[in-house]
Amino acid sequence: MNQNSWNGAGRLTKDAEFTTTKKGTPMSKFRLAVNDRRMDDTLFINVLCFGKMAESLNPMLLKGRLVSITGKLKIDDYEDENQNKRSSVCIMADEISLGPDPSTITKRTTSEDGSSPF
């Protein structure tokens, strides 16, 4: 049995970019920062989603937002303008779950003496 599946969660490094493919399919592209469980290493991975998912989610895919992704790993090999061999890695999203909107999250404040109010 063959299987290509990727599951991960992280935060958007900037707002998603919305475009259309050459065939006219809506596409949203963004970069995700995924920390390992010890928070000492970060994986930066590109994510693509298409169609109705791209249209409906793009306005909510904002910098700092926590998202969970299920999709397929895609690796493209190509040559750059200097004929150097390169590879591009991305996740083709099948499902995207949104975490809290970063603009609605309130930050903790500290009192004048530097202690937390909590």
PDB file of N, CA and C in Angstrom:
ATOM      1  N   MET A   1       0.842  -1.182   0.000  1.00  0.00           N
ATOM      2  CA  MET A   1       0.000   0.000   0.000  1.00  0.00           C
ATOM      3  C   MET A   1       0.887   1.245   0.000  1.00  0.00           C
ATOM      4  N   ASN A   2       0.576   2.205  -0.817  1.00  0.00           N
ATOM      5  CA  ASN A   2       1.289   3.481  -0.880  1.00  0.00           C
ATOM      6  C   ASN A   2       0.438   4.562  -0.223  1.00  0.00           C
ATOM      7  N   GLN A   3       1.117   5.465   0.492  1.00  0.00           N
ATOM      8  CA  GLN A   3       0.385   6.539   1.144  1.00  0.00           C
ATOM      9  C   GLN A   3       1.264   7.776   1.235  1.00  0.00           C
ATOM     10  N   ASN A   4       0.712   8.921   0.912  1.00  0.00           N
ATOM     11  CA  ASN A   4       1.399  10.205   1.038  1.00  0.00           C
ATOM     12  C   ASN A   4       0.489  11.096   1.873  1.00  0.00           C
ATOM     13  N   SER A   5       0.815  11.248   3.147  1.00  0.00           N
ATOM     14  CA  SER A   5      -0.028  12.020   4.047  1.00  0.00           C
ATOM     15  C   SER A   5       0.844  12.837   4.984  1.00  0.00           C
ATOM     16  N   TRP A   6       0.462  14.090   5.220  1.00  0.00           N
ATOM     17  CA  TRP A   6       1.181  14.970   6.131  1.00  0.00           C
ATOM     18  C   TRP A   6       0.168  15.634   7.038  1.00  0.00           C
ATOM     19  N   ASN A   7       0.431  15.643   8.330  1.00  0.00           N
ATOM     20  CA  ASN A   7      -0.394  16.334   9.322  1.00  0.00           C
ATOM     21  C   ASN A   7       0.512  17.227  10.139  1.00  0.00           C
ATOM     22  N   GLY A   8       0.105  18.457  10.333  1.00  0.00           N
ATOM     23  CA  GLY A   8       0.905  19.361  11.138  1.00  0.00           C
ATOM     24  C   GLY A   8       0.105  20.575  11.548  1.00  0.00           C
ATOM     25  N   ALA A   9       0.632  21.295  12.514  1.00  0.00           N
ATOM     26  CA  ALA A   9       0.006  22.525  12.980  1.00  0.00           C
ATOM     27  C   ALA A   9       1.099  23.547  13.228  1.00  0.00           C
ATOM     28  N   GLY A  10       0.798  24.788  12.916  1.00  0.00           N
ATOM     29  CA  GLY A  10       1.755  25.867  13.127  1.00  0.00           C
ATOM     30  C   GLY A  10       1.099  27.210  12.894  1.00  0.00           C
ATOM     31  N   ARG A  11       1.916  28.234  12.824  1.00  0.00           N
ATOM     32  CA  ARG A  11       1.410  29.604  12.639  1.00  0.00           C
ATOM     33  C   ARG A  11       1.865  30.163  11.300  1.00  0.00           C
ATOM     34  N   LEU A  12       0.986  30.941  10.666  1.00  0.00           N
ATOM     35  CA  LEU A  12       1.317  31.584   9.398  1.00  0.00           C
ATOM     36  C   LEU A  12       2.395  32.636   9.629  1.00  0.00           C
ATOM     37  N   THR A  13       3.404  32.665   8.757  1.00  0.00           N
ATOM     38  CA  THR A  13       4.485  33.640   8.893  1.00  0.00           C
ATOM     39  C   THR A  13       4.117  34.989   8.283  1.00  0.00           C
ATOM     40  N   LYS A  14       3.110  35.016   7.412  1.00  0.00           N
ATOM     41  CA  LYS A  14       2.558  36.253   6.847  1.00  0.00           C
ATOM     42  C   LYS A  14       1.180  35.935   6.286  1.00  0.00           C
ATOM     43  N   ASP A  15       0.448  36.950   5.874  1.00  0.00           N
ATOM     44  CA  ASP A  15      -0.882  36.732   5.307  1.00  0.00           C
ATOM     45  C   ASP A  15      -0.783  35.891   4.034  1.00  0.00           C
ATOM     46  N   ALA A  16      -1.783  35.036   3.812  1.00  0.00           N
ATOM     47  CA  ALA A  16      -1.815  34.183   2.623  1.00  0.00           C
ATOM     48  C   ALA A  16      -1.958  35.040   1.360  1.00  0.00           C
ATOM     49  N   GLU A  17      -1.401  34.532   0.260  1.00  0.00           N
ATOM     50  CA  GLU A  17      -1.510  35.192  -1.046  1.00  0.00           C
ATOM     51  C   GLU A  17      -2.563  34.456  -1.872  1.00  0.00           C
ATOM     52  N   PHE A  18      -3.505  35.190  -2.423  1.00  0.00           N
ATOM     53  CA  PHE A  18      -4.568  34.599  -3.240  1.00  0.00           C
ATOM     54  C   PHE A  18      -4.298  34.886  -4.711  1.00  0.00           C
ATOM     55  N   THR A  19      -4.289  33.841  -5.519  1.00  0.00           N
ATOM     56  CA  THR A  19      -4.106  33.984  -6.967  1.00  0.00           C
ATOM     57  C   THR A  19      -4.995  32.965  -7.659  1.00  0.00           C
ATOM     58  N   THR A  20      -4.881  32.915  -8.974  1.00  0.00           N
ATOM     59  CA  THR A  20      -5.545  31.855  -9.737  1.00  0.00           C
ATOM     60  C   THR A  20      -4.488  31.159 -10.585  1.00  0.00           C
ATOM     61  N   THR A  21      -4.701  29.873 -10.822  1.00  0.00           N
ATOM     62  CA  THR A  21      -3.775  29.108 -11.648  1.00  0.00           C
ATOM     63  C   THR A  21      -3.976  29.485 -13.111  1.00  0.00           C
ATOM     64  N   LYS A  22      -3.112  28.980 -13.994  1.00  0.00           N
ATOM     65  CA  LYS A  22      -3.252  29.239 -15.427  1.00  0.00           C
ATOM     66  C   LYS A  22      -4.583  28.731 -15.956  1.00  0.00           C
ATOM     67  N   LYS A  23      -5.130  27.694 -15.318  1.00  0.00           N
ATOM     68  CA  LYS A  23      -6.421  27.135 -15.733  1.00  0.00           C
ATOM     69  C   LYS A  23      -7.608  27.859 -15.099  1.00  0.00           C
ATOM     70  N   GLY A  24      -7.318  28.856 -14.249  1.00  0.00           N
ATOM     71  CA  GLY A  24      -8.381  29.649 -13.634  1.00  0.00           C
ATOM     72  C   GLY A  24      -8.871  29.140 -12.285  1.00  0.00           C
ATOM     73  N   THR A  25      -8.181  28.201 -11.701  1.00  0.00           N
ATOM     74  CA  THR A  25      -8.574  27.667 -10.389  1.00  0.00           C
ATOM     75  C   THR A  25      -8.070  28.595  -9.281  1.00  0.00           C
ATOM     76  N   PRO A  26      -8.950  28.970  -8.346  1.00  0.00           N
ATOM     77  CA  PRO A  26      -8.499  29.798  -7.218  1.00  0.00           C
ATOM     78  C   PRO A  26      -7.440  29.061  -6.397  1.00  0.00           C
ATOM     79  N   MET A  27      -6.427  29.810  -5.929  1.00  0.00           N
ATOM     80  CA  MET A  27      -5.343  29.204  -5.154  1.00  0.00           C
ATOM     81  C   MET A  27      -4.905  30.162  -4.042  1.00  0.00           C
ATOM     82  N   SER A  28      -4.694  29.605  -2.871  1.00  0.00           N
ATOM     83  CA  SER A  28      -4.157  30.365  -1.752  1.00  0.00           C
ATOM     84  C   SER A  28      -2.842  29.721  -1.346  1.00  0.00           C
ATOM     85  N   LYS A  29      -1.820  30.562  -1.126  1.00  0.00           N
ATOM     86  CA  LYS A  29      -0.482  30.078  -0.796  1.00  0.00           C
ATOM     87  C   LYS A  29      -0.009  30.796   0.461  1.00  0.00           C
ATOM     88  N   PHE A  30       0.551  30.014   1.403  1.00  0.00           N
ATOM     89  CA  PHE A  30       1.088  30.617   2.611  1.00  0.00           C
ATOM     90  C   PHE A  30       2.215  29.756   3.170  1.00  0.00           C
ATOM     91  N   ARG A  31       2.958  30.342   4.105  1.00  0.00           N
ATOM     92  CA  ARG A  31       4.090  29.659   4.731  1.00  0.00           C
ATOM     93  C   ARG A  31       3.751  29.444   6.198  1.00  0.00           C
ATOM     94  N   LEU A  32       4.048  28.246   6.660  1.00  0.00           N
ATOM     95  CA  LEU A  32       3.715  27.843   8.017  1.00  0.00           C
ATOM     96  C   LEU A  32       4.993  27.603   8.819  1.00  0.00           C
ATOM     97  N   ALA A  33       5.040  28.109  10.045  1.00  0.00           N
ATOM     98  CA  ALA A  33       6.140  27.844  10.968  1.00  0.00           C
ATOM     99  C   ALA A  33       5.656  26.790  11.959  1.00  0.00           C
ATOM    100  N   VAL A  34       6.321  25.633  11.944  1.00  0.00           N
ATOM    101  CA  VAL A  34       5.938  24.513  12.805  1.00  0.00           C
ATOM    102  C   VAL A  34       7.083  24.246  13.775  1.00  0.00           C
ATOM    103  N   ASN A  35       6.823  24.437  15.072  1.00  0.00           N
ATOM    104  CA  ASN A  35       7.830  24.184  16.097  1.00  0.00           C
ATOM    105  C   ASN A  35       7.788  22.726  16.513  1.00  0.00           C
ATOM    106  N   ASP A  36       8.957  22.170  16.840  1.00  0.00           N
ATOM    107  CA  ASP A  36       8.945  20.814  17.378  1.00  0.00           C
ATOM    108  C   ASP A  36       8.489  20.887  18.839  1.00  0.00           C
ATOM    109  N   ARG A  37       8.288  19.758  19.450  1.00  0.00           N
ATOM    110  CA  ARG A  37       7.678  19.741  20.782  1.00  0.00           C
ATOM    111  C   ARG A  37       8.533  20.387  21.858  1.00  0.00           C
ATOM    112  N   ARG A  38       9.829  20.464  21.660  1.00  0.00           N
ATOM    113  CA  ARG A  38      10.705  21.121  22.639  1.00  0.00           C
ATOM    114  C   ARG A  38      10.915  22.599  22.316  1.00  0.00           C
ATOM    115  N   MET A  39      10.334  23.057  21.223  1.00  0.00           N
ATOM    116  CA  MET A  39      10.409  24.463  20.801  1.00  0.00           C
ATOM    117  C   MET A  39      11.837  24.907  20.506  1.00  0.00           C
ATOM    118  N   ASP A  40      12.743  23.950  20.153  1.00  0.00           N
ATOM    119  CA  ASP A  40      14.116  24.340  19.862  1.00  0.00           C
ATOM    120  C   ASP A  40      14.453  24.255  18.381  1.00  0.00           C
ATOM    121  N   ASP A  41      13.487  23.884  17.563  1.00  0.00           N
ATOM    122  CA  ASP A  41      13.705  23.799  16.125  1.00  0.00           C
ATOM    123  C   ASP A  41      12.399  24.136  15.420  1.00  0.00           C
ATOM    124  N   THR A  42      12.477  24.898  14.335  1.00  0.00           N
ATOM    125  CA  THR A  42      11.288  25.300  13.600  1.00  0.00           C
ATOM    126  C   THR A  42      11.401  24.866  12.150  1.00  0.00           C
ATOM    127  N   LEU A  43      10.349  24.237  11.657  1.00  0.00           N
ATOM    128  CA  LEU A  43      10.239  23.865  10.250  1.00  0.00           C
ATOM    129  C   LEU A  43       9.385  24.920   9.560  1.00  0.00           C
ATOM    130  N   PHE A  44       9.886  25.486   8.467  1.00  0.00           N
ATOM    131  CA  PHE A  44       9.110  26.417   7.658  1.00  0.00           C
ATOM    132  C   PHE A  44       8.698  25.673   6.404  1.00  0.00           C
ATOM    133  N   ILE A  45       7.389  25.595   6.164  1.00  0.00           N
ATOM    134  CA  ILE A  45       6.890  24.811   5.038  1.00  0.00           C
ATOM    135  C   ILE A  45       5.826  25.613   4.285  1.00  0.00           C
ATOM    136  N   ASN A  46       5.880  25.547   2.955  1.00  0.00           N
ATOM    137  CA  ASN A  46       4.880  26.206   2.119  1.00  0.00           C
ATOM    138  C   ASN A  46       3.645  25.331   2.029  1.00  0.00           C
ATOM    139  N   VAL A  47       2.471  25.968   2.014  1.00  0.00           N
ATOM    140  CA  VAL A  47       1.198  25.262   1.915  1.00  0.00           C
ATOM    141  C   VAL A  47       0.389  25.875   0.780  1.00  0.00           C
ATOM    142  N   LEU A  48      -0.252  25.010  -0.018  1.00  0.00           N
ATOM    143  CA  LEU A  48      -1.139  25.447  -1.092  1.00  0.00           C
ATOM    144  C   LEU A  48      -2.515  24.839  -0.872  1.00  0.00           C
ATOM    145  N   CYS A  49      -3.560  25.623  -1.137  1.00  0.00           N
ATOM    146  CA  CYS A  49      -4.915  25.075  -1.176  1.00  0.00           C
ATOM    147  C   CYS A  49      -5.620  25.674  -2.388  1.00  0.00           C
ATOM    148  N   PHE A  50      -6.619  24.964  -2.880  1.00  0.00           N
ATOM    149  CA  PHE A  50      -7.248  25.317  -4.148  1.00  0.00           C
ATOM    150  C   PHE A  50      -8.770  25.360  -4.034  1.00  0.00           C
ATOM    151  N   GLY A  51      -9.394  25.944  -5.065  1.00  0.00           N
ATOM    152  CA  GLY A  51     -10.848  25.915  -5.214  1.00  0.00           C
ATOM    153  C   GLY A  51     -11.590  26.677  -4.143  1.00  0.00           C
ATOM    154  N   LYS A  52     -12.746  26.113  -3.746  1.00  0.00           N
ATOM    155  CA  LYS A  52     -13.607  26.763  -2.755  1.00  0.00           C
ATOM    156  C   LYS A  52     -12.893  26.942  -1.414  1.00  0.00           C
ATOM    157  N   MET A  53     -12.034  25.983  -1.062  1.00  0.00           N
ATOM    158  CA  MET A  53     -11.279  26.114   0.186  1.00  0.00           C
ATOM    159  C   MET A  53     -10.429  27.377   0.143  1.00  0.00           C
ATOM    160  N   ALA A  54      -9.734  27.620  -0.953  1.00  0.00           N
ATOM    161  CA  ALA A  54      -8.883  28.808  -1.089  1.00  0.00           C
ATOM    162  C   ALA A  54      -9.724  30.078  -1.038  1.00  0.00           C
ATOM    163  N   GLU A  55     -10.846  30.087  -1.741  1.00  0.00           N
ATOM    164  CA  GLU A  55     -11.707  31.276  -1.764  1.00  0.00           C
ATOM    165  C   GLU A  55     -12.266  31.610  -0.386  1.00  0.00           C
ATOM    166  N   SER A  56     -12.760  30.598   0.314  1.00  0.00           N
ATOM    167  CA  SER A  56     -13.425  30.872   1.587  1.00  0.00           C
ATOM    168  C   SER A  56     -12.446  31.128   2.732  1.00  0.00           C
ATOM    169  N   LEU A  57     -11.295  30.460   2.731  1.00  0.00           N
ATOM    170  CA  LEU A  57     -10.370  30.606   3.849  1.00  0.00           C
ATOM    171  C   LEU A  57      -9.373  31.747   3.703  1.00  0.00           C
ATOM    172  N   ASN A  58      -9.061  32.166   2.485  1.00  0.00           N
ATOM    173  CA  ASN A  58      -8.001  33.162   2.289  1.00  0.00           C
ATOM    174  C   ASN A  58      -8.144  34.409   3.168  1.00  0.00           C
ATOM    175  N   PRO A  59      -9.344  34.996   3.301  1.00  0.00           N
ATOM    176  CA  PRO A  59      -9.443  36.194   4.148  1.00  0.00           C
ATOM    177  C   PRO A  59      -9.113  35.941   5.620  1.00  0.00           C
ATOM    178  N   MET A  60      -9.161  34.681   6.051  1.00  0.00           N
ATOM    179  CA  MET A  60      -8.910  34.352   7.451  1.00  0.00           C
ATOM    180  C   MET A  60      -7.497  33.809   7.685  1.00  0.00           C
ATOM    181  N   LEU A  61      -6.746  33.596   6.610  1.00  0.00           N
ATOM    182  CA  LEU A  61      -5.381  33.069   6.736  1.00  0.00           C
ATOM    183  C   LEU A  61      -4.412  34.245   6.919  1.00  0.00           C
ATOM    184  N   LEU A  62      -4.336  34.710   8.156  1.00  0.00           N
ATOM    185  CA  LEU A  62      -3.576  35.914   8.486  1.00  0.00           C
ATOM    186  C   LEU A  62      -2.342  35.579   9.310  1.00  0.00           C
ATOM    187  N   LYS A  63      -1.341  36.430   9.182  1.00  0.00           N
ATOM    188  CA  LYS A  63      -0.085  36.263   9.912  1.00  0.00           C
ATOM    189  C   LYS A  63      -0.353  35.990  11.392  1.00  0.00           C
ATOM    190  N   GLY A  64       0.328  34.970  11.917  1.00  0.00           N
ATOM    191  CA  GLY A  64       0.213  34.636  13.328  1.00  0.00           C
ATOM    192  C   GLY A  64      -0.888  33.651  13.662  1.00  0.00           C
ATOM    193  N   ARG A  65      -1.797  33.416  12.729  1.00  0.00           N
ATOM    194  CA  ARG A  65      -2.908  32.506  13.007  1.00  0.00           C
ATOM    195  C   ARG A  65      -2.411  31.068  13.103  1.00  0.00           C
ATOM    196  N   LEU A  66      -2.893  30.368  14.109  1.00  0.00           N
ATOM    197  CA  LEU A  66      -2.605  28.953  14.281  1.00  0.00           C
ATOM    198  C   LEU A  66      -3.536  28.160  13.374  1.00  0.00           C
ATOM    199  N   VAL A  67      -2.973  27.266  12.573  1.00  0.00           N
ATOM    200  CA  VAL A  67      -3.768  26.405  11.702  1.00  0.00           C
ATOM    201  C   VAL A  67      -3.263  24.975  11.791  1.00  0.00           C
ATOM    202  N   SER A  68      -4.168  24.051  11.534  1.00  0.00           N
ATOM    203  CA  SER A  68      -3.832  22.636  11.451  1.00  0.00           C
ATOM    204  C   SER A  68      -4.072  22.205  10.011  1.00  0.00           C
ATOM    205  N   ILE A  69      -3.125  21.477   9.441  1.00  0.00           N
ATOM    206  CA  ILE A  69      -3.175  21.099   8.024  1.00  0.00           C
ATOM    207  C   ILE A  69      -3.105  19.581   7.894  1.00  0.00           C
ATOM    208  N   THR A  70      -3.934  19.037   7.028  1.00  0.00           N
ATOM    209  CA  THR A  70      -3.817  17.654   6.580  1.00  0.00           C
ATOM    210  C   THR A  70      -3.708  17.719   5.067  1.00  0.00           C
ATOM    211  N   GLY A  71      -2.715  17.052   4.511  1.00  0.00           N
ATOM    212  CA  GLY A  71      -2.537  17.106   3.065  1.00  0.00           C
ATOM    213  C   GLY A  71      -1.463  16.157   2.583  1.00  0.00           C
ATOM    214  N   LYS A  72      -1.005  16.427   1.370  1.00  0.00           N
ATOM    215  CA  LYS A  72       0.006  15.594   0.719  1.00  0.00           C
ATOM    216  C   LYS A  72       1.297  16.386   0.544  1.00  0.00           C
ATOM    217  N   LEU A  73       2.419  15.710   0.758  1.00  0.00           N
ATOM    218  CA  LEU A  73       3.727  16.309   0.536  1.00  0.00           C
ATOM    219  C   LEU A  73       4.026  16.276  -0.961  1.00  0.00           C
ATOM    220  N   LYS A  74       4.466  17.414  -1.505  1.00  0.00           N
ATOM    221  CA  LYS A  74       4.794  17.500  -2.931  1.00  0.00           C
ATOM    222  C   LYS A  74       6.190  18.085  -3.078  1.00  0.00           C
ATOM    223  N   ILE A  75       7.024  17.412  -3.858  1.00  0.00           N
ATOM    224  CA  ILE A  75       8.384  17.871  -4.113  1.00  0.00           C
ATOM    225  C   ILE A  75       8.560  18.038  -5.615  1.00  0.00           C
ATOM    226  N   ASP A  76       8.924  19.244  -6.035  1.00  0.00           N
ATOM    227  CA  ASP A  76       9.175  19.535  -7.444  1.00  0.00           C
ATOM    228  C   ASP A  76      10.662  19.791  -7.641  1.00  0.00           C
ATOM    229  N   ASP A  77      11.259  19.111  -8.608  1.00  0.00           N
ATOM    230  CA  ASP A  77      12.649  19.356  -8.986  1.00  0.00           C
ATOM    231  C   ASP A  77      12.661  20.244 -10.225  1.00  0.00           C
ATOM    232  N   TYR A  78      13.561  21.226 -10.233  1.00  0.00           N
ATOM    233  CA  TYR A  78      13.646  22.155 -11.364  1.00  0.00           C
ATOM    234  C   TYR A  78      15.048  22.734 -11.454  1.00  0.00           C
ATOM    235  N   GLU A  79      15.303  23.470 -12.516  1.00  0.00           N
ATOM    236  CA  GLU A  79      16.561  24.198 -12.670  1.00  0.00           C
ATOM    237  C   GLU A  79      16.262  25.680 -12.592  1.00  0.00           C
ATOM    238  N   ASP A  80      17.089  26.401 -11.822  1.00  0.00           N
ATOM    239  CA  ASP A  80      16.901  27.839 -11.721  1.00  0.00           C
ATOM    240  C   ASP A  80      17.487  28.547 -12.948  1.00  0.00           C
ATOM    241  N   GLU A  81      17.480  29.879 -12.923  1.00  0.00           N
ATOM    242  CA  GLU A  81      17.937  30.656 -14.089  1.00  0.00           C
ATOM    243  C   GLU A  81      19.415  30.438 -14.401  1.00  0.00           C
ATOM    244  N   ASN A  82      20.186  29.930 -13.428  1.00  0.00           N
ATOM    245  CA  ASN A  82      21.606  29.648 -13.640  1.00  0.00           C
ATOM    246  C   ASN A  82      21.876  28.161 -13.896  1.00  0.00           C
ATOM    247  N   GLN A  83      20.845  27.427 -14.219  1.00  0.00           N
ATOM    248  CA  GLN A  83      20.902  25.989 -14.487  1.00  0.00           C
ATOM    249  C   GLN A  83      21.366  25.159 -13.287  1.00  0.00           C
ATOM    250  N   ASN A  84      21.144  25.685 -12.081  1.00  0.00           N
ATOM    251  CA  ASN A  84      21.411  24.914 -10.860  1.00  0.00           C
ATOM    252  C   ASN A  84      20.186  24.064 -10.539  1.00  0.00           C
ATOM    253  N   LYS A  85      20.415  22.813 -10.156  1.00  0.00           N
ATOM    254  CA  LYS A  85      19.303  21.943  -9.788  1.00  0.00           C
ATOM    255  C   LYS A  85      18.780  22.352  -8.423  1.00  0.00           C
ATOM    256  N   ARG A  86      17.471  22.502  -8.331  1.00  0.00           N
ATOM    257  CA  ARG A  86      16.814  22.927  -7.096  1.00  0.00           C
ATOM    258  C   ARG A  86      15.605  22.036  -6.839  1.00  0.00           C
ATOM    259  N   SER A  87      15.120  22.075  -5.608  1.00  0.00           N
ATOM    260  CA  SER A  87      13.898  21.366  -5.226  1.00  0.00           C
ATOM    261  C   SER A  87      12.997  22.319  -4.459  1.00  0.00           C
ATOM    262  N   SER A  88      11.712  22.141  -4.645  1.00  0.00           N
ATOM    263  CA  SER A  88      10.714  22.920  -3.937  1.00  0.00           C
ATOM    264  C   SER A  88       9.786  21.948  -3.214  1.00  0.00           C
ATOM    265  N   VAL A  89       9.593  22.164  -1.923  1.00  0.00           N
ATOM    266  CA  VAL A  89       8.754  21.283  -1.111  1.00  0.00           C
ATOM    267  C   VAL A  89       7.542  22.072  -0.637  1.00  0.00           C
ATOM    268  N   CYS A  90       6.361  21.462  -0.729  1.00  0.00           N
ATOM    269  CA  CYS A  90       5.155  22.104  -0.210  1.00  0.00           C
ATOM    270  C   CYS A  90       4.140  21.051   0.213  1.00  0.00           C
ATOM    271  N   ILE A  91       3.132  21.505   0.923  1.00  0.00           N
ATOM    272  CA  ILE A  91       2.007  20.668   1.310  1.00  0.00           C
ATOM    273  C   ILE A  91       0.809  21.096   0.491  1.00  0.00           C
ATOM    274  N   MET A  92       0.178  20.129  -0.165  1.00  0.00           N
ATOM    275  CA  MET A  92      -1.069  20.366  -0.894  1.00  0.00           C
ATOM    276  C   MET A  92      -2.193  20.054   0.092  1.00  0.00           C
ATOM    277  N   ALA A  93      -2.842  21.086   0.623  1.00  0.00           N
ATOM    278  CA  ALA A  93      -3.805  20.913   1.717  1.00  0.00           C
ATOM    279  C   ALA A  93      -5.096  20.257   1.241  1.00  0.00           C
ATOM    280  N   ASP A  94      -5.517  19.234   1.983  1.00  0.00           N
ATOM    281  CA  ASP A  94      -6.829  18.630   1.795  1.00  0.00           C
ATOM    282  C   ASP A  94      -7.811  19.163   2.825  1.00  0.00           C
ATOM    283  N   GLU A  95      -7.305  19.460   4.034  1.00  0.00           N
ATOM    284  CA  GLU A  95      -8.126  20.011   5.112  1.00  0.00           C
ATOM    285  C   GLU A  95      -7.318  21.060   5.862  1.00  0.00           C
ATOM    286  N   ILE A  96      -7.997  22.152   6.223  1.00  0.00           N
ATOM    287  CA  ILE A  96      -7.376  23.203   7.033  1.00  0.00           C
ATOM    288  C   ILE A  96      -8.336  23.542   8.163  1.00  0.00           C
ATOM    289  N   SER A  97      -7.844  23.462   9.390  1.00  0.00           N
ATOM    290  CA  SER A  97      -8.624  23.856  10.565  1.00  0.00           C
ATOM    291  C   SER A  97      -8.001  25.113  11.139  1.00  0.00           C
ATOM    292  N   LEU A  98      -8.836  26.104  11.403  1.00  0.00           N
ATOM    293  CA  LEU A  98      -8.357  27.397  11.888  1.00  0.00           C
ATOM    294  C   LEU A  98      -8.354  27.467  13.400  1.00  0.00           C
ATOM    295  N   GLY A  99      -7.287  28.045  13.949  1.00  0.00           N
ATOM    296  CA  GLY A  99      -7.226  28.367  15.369  1.00  0.00           C
ATOM    297  C   GLY A  99      -7.809  29.758  15.575  1.00  0.00           C
ATOM    298  N   PRO A 100      -7.623  30.340  16.747  1.00  0.00           N
ATOM    299  CA  PRO A 100      -8.177  31.664  17.040  1.00  0.00           C
ATOM    300  C   PRO A 100      -7.650  32.738  16.088  1.00  0.00           C
ATOM    301  N   ASP A 101      -8.482  33.721  15.829  1.00  0.00           N
ATOM    302  CA  ASP A 101      -8.089  34.867  15.008  1.00  0.00           C
ATOM    303  C   ASP A 101      -7.056  35.677  15.795  1.00  0.00           C
ATOM    304  N   PRO A 102      -5.850  35.888  15.228  1.00  0.00           N
ATOM    305  CA  PRO A 102      -4.811  36.594  15.985  1.00  0.00           C
ATOM    306  C   PRO A 102      -5.190  38.024  16.361  1.00  0.00           C
ATOM    307  N   SER A 103      -6.092  38.642  15.631  1.00  0.00           N
ATOM    308  CA  SER A 103      -6.460  40.032  15.940  1.00  0.00           C
ATOM    309  C   SER A 103      -7.382  40.111  17.153  1.00  0.00           C
ATOM    310  N   THR A 104      -7.971  39.002  17.568  1.00  0.00           N
ATOM    311  CA  THR A 104      -8.879  39.031  18.715  1.00  0.00           C
ATOM    312  C   THR A 104      -8.235  38.535  19.997  1.00  0.00           C
ATOM    313  N   ILE A 105      -6.980  38.097  19.904  1.00  0.00           N
ATOM    314  CA  ILE A 105      -6.295  37.589  21.092  1.00  0.00           C
ATOM    315  C   ILE A 105      -5.751  38.766  21.886  1.00  0.00           C
ATOM    316  N   THR A 106      -6.087  38.813  23.164  1.00  0.00           N
ATOM    317  CA  THR A 106      -5.573  39.886  24.008  1.00  0.00           C
ATOM    318  C   THR A 106      -4.301  39.413  24.677  1.00  0.00           C
ATOM    319  N   LYS A 107      -3.358  40.301  24.773  1.00  0.00           N
ATOM    320  CA  LYS A 107      -2.077  39.978  25.376  1.00  0.00           C
ATOM    321  C   LYS A 107      -2.132  40.288  26.863  1.00  0.00           C
ATOM    322  N   ARG A 108      -1.385  39.488  27.623  1.00  0.00           N
ATOM    323  CA  ARG A 108      -1.287  39.747  29.048  1.00  0.00           C
ATOM    324  C   ARG A 108      -0.548  41.057  29.263  1.00  0.00           C
ATOM    325  N   THR A 109      -0.996  41.767  30.246  1.00  0.00           N
ATOM    326  CA  THR A 109      -0.295  43.004  30.599  1.00  0.00           C
ATOM    327  C   THR A 109       0.380  42.799  31.943  1.00  0.00           C
ATOM    328  N   THR A 110       1.420  43.545  32.174  1.00  0.00           N
ATOM    329  CA  THR A 110       2.104  43.477  33.462  1.00  0.00           C
ATOM    330  C   THR A 110       1.813  44.760  34.227  1.00  0.00           C
ATOM    331  N   SER A 111       1.820  44.645  35.544  1.00  0.00           N
ATOM    332  CA  SER A 111       1.594  45.831  36.366  1.00  0.00           C
ATOM    333  C   SER A 111       2.866  46.678  36.387  1.00  0.00           C
ATOM    334  N   GLU A 112       2.780  47.829  37.014  1.00  0.00           N
ATOM    335  CA  GLU A 112       3.919  48.743  37.047  1.00  0.00           C
ATOM    336  C   GLU A 112       5.144  48.129  37.696  1.00  0.00           C
ATOM    337  N   ASP A 113       4.948  47.208  38.649  1.00  0.00           N
ATOM    338  CA  ASP A 113       6.107  46.590  39.315  1.00  0.00           C
ATOM    339  C   ASP A 113       6.675  45.407  38.515  1.00  0.00           C
ATOM    340  N   GLY A 114       6.099  45.128  37.328  1.00  0.00           N
ATOM    341  CA  GLY A 114       6.610  44.079  36.468  1.00  0.00           C
ATOM    342  C   GLY A 114       5.992  42.717  36.721  1.00  0.00           C
ATOM    343  N   SER A 115       5.112  42.627  37.713  1.00  0.00           N
ATOM    344  CA  SER A 115       4.479  41.331  37.987  1.00  0.00           C
ATOM    345  C   SER A 115       3.235  41.163  37.108  1.00  0.00           C
ATOM    346  N   SER A 116       2.898  39.920  36.861  1.00  0.00           N
ATOM    347  CA  SER A 116       1.726  39.616  36.056  1.00  0.00           C
ATOM    348  C   SER A 116       0.472  39.754  36.903  1.00  0.00           C
ATOM    349  N   PRO A 117      -0.639  40.222  36.304  1.00  0.00           N
ATOM    350  CA  PRO A 117      -1.879  40.352  37.085  1.00  0.00           C
ATOM    351  C   PRO A 117      -2.529  38.997  37.350  1.00  0.00           C
ATOM    352  N   PHE A 118      -1.994  37.925  36.846  1.00  0.00           N
ATOM    353  CA  PHE A 118      -2.599  36.599  37.010  1.00  0.00           C
ATOM    354  C   PHE A 118      -1.894  35.802  38.064  1.00  0.00           C
TER     355      PHE A 118
END
